[in-house]
Amino acid sequence: MTLDVSRRSLLALGAGLGASLASHGVLAKAPKLGTQSPYFHRFKLGDAEVTVVSDGPLPLGDPSGTFVGVPKDEVKKMLTDNFLAPDNVVLEQNSPIVNMGDRLVLFDTGMGSSKLFGGTTGRQQKSMMEAGIKPADIDAVVCSHAHIDHIGGIVDADGKLLFPNAQIYISQTDFDFWTDEKNLDGPLKDFIVHARKNLMPVRDRLVFFKDGQEFLPGIQAIAAPGHTMGHHMFMVTSAGKSFAFLGDLTHHQVLLLERPLMEFSYDTDPKMAAKTRVRMLDMLAANKVAVMSYHFPWPGYGHVVKAGDGFRYLPEPMQMTL
């Protein structure tokens, strides 16, 4: 016997069952809670413990004008085919905090007090509190680049240092460009203002890393220019296990992986960024290196694999036991 169950018949069955339960007074009337789980996640990396904390969702809005070089209809289809809203691209902001045993290292600091992208950002300090990590215990803050959503949480709204005991690591190329007052008169004004607000107060504790340098034990800088000219990703290693923190190598788990040569309007040099993206993703996929992406869906940890002319992102299952 073949059972033919249509969507309509399933809906009718559900409605009938609901009415039957209601008539017998067995439906629960508990209040809706309106709260979500804490915004942190932990996993092991060799001998290290990694805690991912979020600065909150970052909405970019309509992809038109932001993701360019591919017809708008194709971009929208790529989103809908993956059950994503075609009219509002929302990025995450995932910052790993790596406890190496002798030091606590935070990668990128979120938007801070800026509301340039709306009110859902700026929760990194709250996420750290939920994770039981004190900002004063952070020994090193490593910045992939000097964009507003990566260095925005070094100081608070009043200019007070949020990580009072940390050295700040960044490329000198990005520091020099994004704190240059000569750029205040152009379209980058908001980014320059925010970079100066956060980086100038810590000028005396900045450390500049170079491409290929292991500037902290177990943390190696890898130049990945294009998004900004000083943009870097980082290889994090403990007891033979590694992952690559991608920073902004790729902002979207579908659009910029399936079509990695698509251009992104926030890139300083979109064509260079696309070439860098392909080169780095090829390397990561070929070597099966785990990745942590700042902007991928929470918590942003998994692998990239080749798929035709592009790539696919395979998220790592969240391990709920340590």
Protein backbone atom coordinates (compact mmCIF):
# COMPACT_ATOMS: atom_id res chain seq x y z
CA MET A 1 0.00 0.00 0.00
CA THR A 2 1.35 3.45 -0.92
CA LEU A 3 0.67 6.25 1.52
CA ASP A 4 0.11 9.55 -0.31
CA VAL A 5 0.57 12.39 2.20
CA SER A 6 0.27 15.89 0.79
CA ARG A 7 1.22 19.13 2.53
CA ARG A 8 -2.48 20.05 2.62
CA SER A 9 -3.44 16.80 4.36
CA LEU A 10 -0.67 17.24 6.93
CA LEU A 11 -1.87 20.77 7.69
CA ALA A 12 -5.44 19.54 8.02
CA LEU A 13 -4.32 16.76 10.35
CA GLY A 14 -2.42 19.23 12.51
CA ALA A 15 -5.38 21.62 12.69
CA GLY A 16 -7.72 18.80 13.69
CA LEU A 17 -5.37 17.57 16.38
CA GLY A 18 -4.97 21.07 17.78
CA ALA A 19 -8.73 21.59 17.94
CA SER A 20 -9.18 18.25 19.69
CA LEU A 21 -6.56 19.06 22.34
CA ALA A 22 -8.02 22.51 22.92
CA SER A 23 -11.52 21.08 23.45
CA HIS A 24 -10.16 18.86 26.21
CA GLY A 25 -8.30 21.72 27.89
CA VAL A 26 -4.82 20.17 27.56
CA LEU A 27 -2.99 23.00 25.75
CA ALA A 28 -0.23 24.62 27.80
CA LYS A 29 -0.53 28.37 28.45
CA ALA A 30 3.02 29.10 29.59
CA PRO A 31 4.23 32.64 28.85
CA LYS A 32 6.70 33.20 26.02
CA LEU A 33 10.14 33.89 27.45
CA GLY A 34 11.53 36.18 24.75
CA THR A 35 15.15 35.40 25.63
CA GLN A 36 17.96 33.61 23.83
CA SER A 37 20.91 31.50 24.92
CA PRO A 38 24.18 33.22 25.95
CA TYR A 39 26.25 34.33 22.96
CA PHE A 40 29.43 32.29 23.49
CA HIS A 41 30.70 28.85 22.53
CA ARG A 42 33.77 26.84 23.60
CA PHE A 43 35.86 24.13 22.03
CA LYS A 44 39.30 22.56 22.48
CA LEU A 45 42.26 23.15 20.18
CA GLY A 46 45.11 20.88 21.20
CA ASP A 47 46.05 22.08 24.69
CA ALA A 48 44.28 25.41 24.22
CA GLU A 49 40.70 26.37 25.04
CA VAL A 50 38.89 28.56 22.52
CA THR A 51 35.88 30.66 23.51
CA VAL A 52 34.02 32.31 20.65
CA VAL A 53 32.16 35.47 21.68
CA SER A 54 29.83 37.54 19.52
CA ASP A 55 29.53 41.26 18.97
CA GLY A 56 26.03 40.65 17.61
CA PRO A 57 24.50 40.44 14.12
CA LEU A 58 25.60 43.03 11.57
CA PRO A 59 22.92 43.70 8.91
CA LEU A 60 24.13 44.98 5.53
CA GLY A 61 20.66 45.27 3.98
CA ASP A 62 19.97 44.72 0.29
CA PRO A 63 22.94 42.96 -1.39
CA SER A 64 22.64 45.18 -4.48
CA GLY A 65 25.60 47.53 -4.57
CA THR A 66 27.46 45.57 -1.88
CA PHE A 67 28.09 42.29 -3.68
CA VAL A 68 28.94 43.28 -7.24
CA GLY A 69 30.23 41.77 -10.48
CA VAL A 70 27.39 39.23 -10.64
CA PRO A 71 23.85 40.01 -11.93
CA LYS A 72 21.49 41.06 -9.13
CA ASP A 73 18.98 38.32 -9.96
CA GLU A 74 21.71 35.69 -9.66
CA VAL A 75 22.78 37.04 -6.27
CA LYS A 76 19.20 36.89 -5.01
CA LYS A 77 18.80 33.34 -6.35
CA MET A 78 21.98 32.24 -4.59
CA LEU A 79 20.50 33.53 -1.35
CA THR A 80 17.02 32.07 -1.77
CA ASP A 81 18.44 28.73 -2.91
CA ASN A 82 20.16 28.60 0.49
CA PHE A 83 17.00 29.70 2.36
CA LEU A 84 18.43 33.15 3.10
CA ALA A 85 16.58 36.45 2.81
CA PRO A 86 17.25 37.99 -0.62
CA ASP A 87 16.73 41.57 0.58
CA ASN A 88 18.80 41.72 3.76
CA VAL A 89 22.24 40.15 4.12
CA VAL A 90 23.06 39.70 7.81
CA LEU A 91 26.61 38.92 8.92
CA GLU A 92 27.76 37.62 12.28
CA GLN A 93 30.73 38.93 14.27
CA ASN A 94 32.62 35.99 15.77
CA SER A 95 35.69 36.69 17.90
CA PRO A 96 37.72 33.75 19.20
CA ILE A 97 39.41 34.16 22.57
CA VAL A 98 42.24 31.63 22.80
CA ASN A 99 43.49 30.55 26.21
CA MET A 100 46.99 29.21 25.59
CA GLY A 101 47.55 28.45 29.26
CA ASP A 102 50.01 31.29 29.80
CA ARG A 103 48.11 34.01 27.92
CA LEU A 104 44.61 34.96 26.84
CA VAL A 105 44.36 36.27 23.26
CA LEU A 106 41.31 37.99 21.73
CA PHE A 107 40.92 38.36 17.97
CA ASP A 108 39.06 41.53 16.86
CA THR A 109 36.78 43.63 19.06
CA GLY A 110 33.56 44.37 17.15
CA MET A 111 31.73 47.65 16.58
CA GLY A 112 31.94 48.93 20.12
CA SER A 113 29.78 52.00 20.68
CA SER A 114 29.25 52.75 16.98
CA LYS A 115 25.74 52.13 15.63
CA LEU A 116 26.68 52.64 11.99
CA PHE A 117 25.13 49.25 11.15
CA GLY A 118 22.24 49.41 13.62
CA GLY A 119 21.52 48.50 17.20
CA THR A 120 22.24 44.76 17.18
CA THR A 121 26.02 45.21 17.32
CA GLY A 122 28.25 46.20 20.23
CA ARG A 123 27.59 43.28 22.59
CA GLN A 124 31.10 41.78 22.77
CA GLN A 125 31.66 42.88 26.36
CA LYS A 126 28.31 41.36 27.35
CA SER A 127 29.17 38.12 25.54
CA MET A 128 32.49 37.95 27.40
CA MET A 129 30.66 38.45 30.70
CA GLU A 130 28.27 35.62 29.78
CA ALA A 131 31.33 33.44 29.03
CA GLY A 132 32.92 34.25 32.40
CA ILE A 133 35.88 36.09 30.86
CA LYS A 134 37.04 39.37 32.37
CA PRO A 135 38.33 42.02 29.93
CA ALA A 136 41.15 42.81 32.36
CA ASP A 137 42.41 39.22 31.94
CA ILE A 138 43.01 39.65 28.20
CA ASP A 139 46.76 39.77 27.54
CA ALA A 140 46.68 40.43 23.79
CA VAL A 141 44.16 41.87 21.34
CA VAL A 142 44.97 40.83 17.76
CA CYS A 143 43.34 42.92 15.01
CA SER A 144 42.96 41.48 11.52
CA HIS A 145 42.61 45.02 10.15
CA ALA A 146 41.47 48.49 11.19
CA HIS A 147 37.87 48.54 9.92
CA ILE A 148 35.22 49.87 12.25
CA ASP A 149 33.73 46.45 13.09
CA HIS A 150 37.07 44.95 14.09
CA ILE A 151 38.74 47.64 16.21
CA GLY A 152 35.59 49.38 17.48
CA GLY A 153 35.61 47.79 20.92
CA ILE A 154 39.10 48.72 22.12
CA VAL A 155 37.69 51.71 24.03
CA ASP A 156 34.20 52.50 25.29
CA ALA A 157 32.00 55.45 24.36
CA ASP A 158 33.95 57.70 26.73
CA GLY A 159 37.37 56.59 25.48
CA LYS A 160 38.15 54.32 28.44
CA LEU A 161 40.32 51.31 27.65
CA LEU A 162 38.25 48.14 27.70
CA PHE A 163 41.28 45.80 27.85
CA PRO A 164 43.53 47.67 30.28
CA ASN A 165 46.24 44.99 30.51
CA ALA A 166 46.47 44.01 26.84
CA GLN A 167 48.97 44.78 24.14
CA ILE A 168 47.33 45.49 20.77
CA TYR A 169 48.66 43.75 17.64
CA ILE A 170 47.95 45.11 14.14
CA SER A 171 49.73 45.69 10.83
CA GLN A 172 51.49 49.02 10.56
CA THR A 173 50.06 49.50 7.05
CA ASP A 174 46.52 49.51 8.40
CA PHE A 175 47.35 51.61 11.44
CA ASP A 176 49.03 54.28 9.34
CA PHE A 177 46.24 54.51 6.75
CA TRP A 178 43.14 54.31 8.95
CA THR A 179 44.41 56.81 11.53
CA ASP A 180 45.64 59.34 8.94
CA GLU A 181 43.81 62.65 9.45
CA LYS A 182 44.22 63.43 5.74
CA ASN A 183 41.56 60.79 5.02
CA LEU A 184 38.94 62.53 7.18
CA ASP A 185 37.63 64.60 4.26
CA GLY A 186 36.72 61.62 2.07
CA PRO A 187 34.07 58.89 2.00
CA LEU A 188 35.97 56.92 4.66
CA LYS A 189 35.41 59.57 7.34
CA ASP A 190 33.33 57.39 9.70
CA PHE A 191 35.91 54.61 9.52
CA ILE A 192 38.81 57.01 10.11
CA VAL A 193 37.10 58.68 13.08
CA HIS A 194 36.38 55.34 14.70
CA ALA A 195 39.89 53.99 14.05
CA ARG A 196 41.48 57.09 15.57
CA LYS A 197 39.15 56.92 18.58
CA ASN A 198 40.14 53.32 19.30
CA LEU A 199 43.76 53.10 18.18
CA MET A 200 45.31 56.42 19.16
CA PRO A 201 44.69 55.91 22.93
CA VAL A 202 46.67 52.65 22.76
CA ARG A 203 49.46 53.92 20.50
CA ASP A 204 52.06 53.23 23.19
CA ARG A 205 51.03 49.58 23.50
CA LEU A 206 50.72 48.75 19.79
CA VAL A 207 52.87 45.96 18.35
CA PHE A 208 53.17 45.66 14.56
CA PHE A 209 53.43 42.16 13.07
CA LYS A 210 54.74 41.17 9.65
CA ASP A 211 53.68 38.55 7.10
CA GLY A 212 54.78 35.07 8.17
CA GLN A 213 55.82 36.17 11.65
CA GLU A 214 54.93 34.09 14.70
CA PHE A 215 54.45 37.23 16.77
CA LEU A 216 52.99 35.32 19.73
CA PRO A 217 53.70 31.66 20.56
CA GLY A 218 51.33 29.60 18.42
CA ILE A 219 50.00 32.58 16.42
CA GLN A 220 51.34 33.35 12.94
CA ALA A 221 50.36 36.31 10.77
CA ILE A 222 49.51 35.69 7.09
CA ALA A 223 49.14 38.73 4.83
CA ALA A 224 45.85 38.69 2.91
CA PRO A 225 45.63 42.14 1.29
CA GLY A 226 42.79 43.60 -0.70
CA HIS A 227 39.99 44.05 1.81
CA THR A 228 42.40 46.54 3.33
CA MET A 229 46.01 46.79 2.27
CA GLY A 230 47.20 45.63 5.69
CA HIS A 231 44.57 42.93 6.22
CA HIS A 232 45.93 39.70 7.73
CA MET A 233 44.59 36.30 8.69
CA PHE A 234 46.16 34.19 11.42
CA MET A 235 47.16 30.57 11.89
CA VAL A 236 46.49 29.51 15.50
CA THR A 237 48.24 26.33 16.66
CA SER A 238 48.35 24.32 19.88
CA ALA A 239 49.76 20.81 20.37
CA GLY A 240 49.68 20.06 16.65
CA LYS A 241 46.10 21.28 16.07
CA SER A 242 45.41 24.43 14.06
CA PHE A 243 42.75 26.71 12.70
CA ALA A 244 42.95 29.81 10.54
CA PHE A 245 41.19 32.94 11.76
CA LEU A 246 40.14 34.46 8.44
CA GLY A 247 39.24 37.97 9.54
CA ASP A 248 37.52 39.43 6.45
CA LEU A 249 39.03 37.16 3.82
CA THR A 250 35.43 36.33 2.88
CA HIS A 251 32.31 37.93 4.31
CA HIS A 252 29.63 35.50 3.23
CA GLN A 253 29.40 31.72 3.43
CA VAL A 254 27.50 31.47 0.11
CA LEU A 255 28.02 34.52 -2.09
CA LEU A 256 31.79 34.90 -1.75
CA LEU A 257 32.47 31.18 -1.64
CA GLU A 258 30.35 29.92 -4.54
CA ARG A 259 31.48 32.94 -6.56
CA PRO A 260 34.80 33.92 -4.97
CA LEU A 261 35.65 36.41 -7.73
CA MET A 262 32.52 38.42 -6.93
CA GLU A 263 33.54 41.83 -5.62
CA PHE A 264 32.61 43.31 -2.26
CA SER A 265 32.08 47.06 -2.08
CA TYR A 266 33.76 47.48 1.33
CA ASP A 267 37.06 46.15 -0.07
CA THR A 268 39.78 48.76 -0.54
CA ASP A 269 40.86 46.97 -3.72
CA PRO A 270 38.06 44.57 -4.72
CA LYS A 271 40.01 42.87 -7.52
CA MET A 272 43.04 42.26 -5.31
CA ALA A 273 40.75 41.02 -2.53
CA ALA A 274 39.10 38.52 -4.90
CA LYS A 275 42.47 37.16 -6.05
CA THR A 276 43.66 36.89 -2.45
CA ARG A 277 40.42 35.16 -1.48
CA VAL A 278 40.81 32.49 -4.16
CA ARG A 279 44.48 31.91 -3.37
CA MET A 280 43.92 31.57 0.38
CA LEU A 281 40.77 29.44 0.07
CA ASP A 282 42.61 27.12 -2.34
CA MET A 283 45.37 26.69 0.25
CA LEU A 284 42.95 26.13 3.14
CA ALA A 285 40.84 23.62 1.20
CA ALA A 286 43.84 21.69 -0.15
CA ASN A 287 45.38 21.38 3.33
CA LYS A 288 42.05 20.73 5.07
CA VAL A 289 42.75 23.51 7.58
CA ALA A 290 39.90 24.35 9.92
CA VAL A 291 38.71 27.94 9.66
CA MET A 292 37.12 30.51 11.92
CA SER A 293 35.40 33.25 9.95
CA TYR A 294 34.51 36.53 11.63
CA HIS A 295 31.35 37.03 9.56
CA PHE A 296 30.04 33.49 8.90
CA PRO A 297 26.94 32.14 10.70
CA TRP A 298 27.45 31.63 14.42
CA PRO A 299 29.87 30.42 15.69
CA GLY A 300 31.75 30.54 12.37
CA TYR A 301 33.91 27.43 12.76
CA GLY A 302 34.30 24.73 10.10
CA HIS A 303 36.07 23.89 6.85
CA VAL A 304 36.06 25.08 3.25
CA VAL A 305 36.13 22.60 0.36
CA LYS A 306 36.44 23.01 -3.40
CA ALA A 307 33.15 22.93 -5.33
CA GLY A 308 33.50 23.48 -9.08
CA ASP A 309 34.96 26.93 -9.71
CA GLY A 310 34.23 27.96 -6.15
CA PHE A 311 34.02 26.60 -2.63
CA ARG A 312 31.58 25.40 0.01
CA TYR A 313 31.58 26.01 3.73
CA LEU A 314 31.02 23.00 5.97
CA PRO A 315 30.28 24.13 9.53
CA GLU A 316 31.75 22.04 12.31
CA PRO A 317 29.08 20.51 14.58
CA MET A 318 28.96 22.39 17.87
CA GLN A 319 30.51 20.22 20.58
CA MET A 320 28.43 20.74 23.71
CA THR A 321 30.83 18.86 25.99
CA LEU A 322 34.46 19.72 26.63
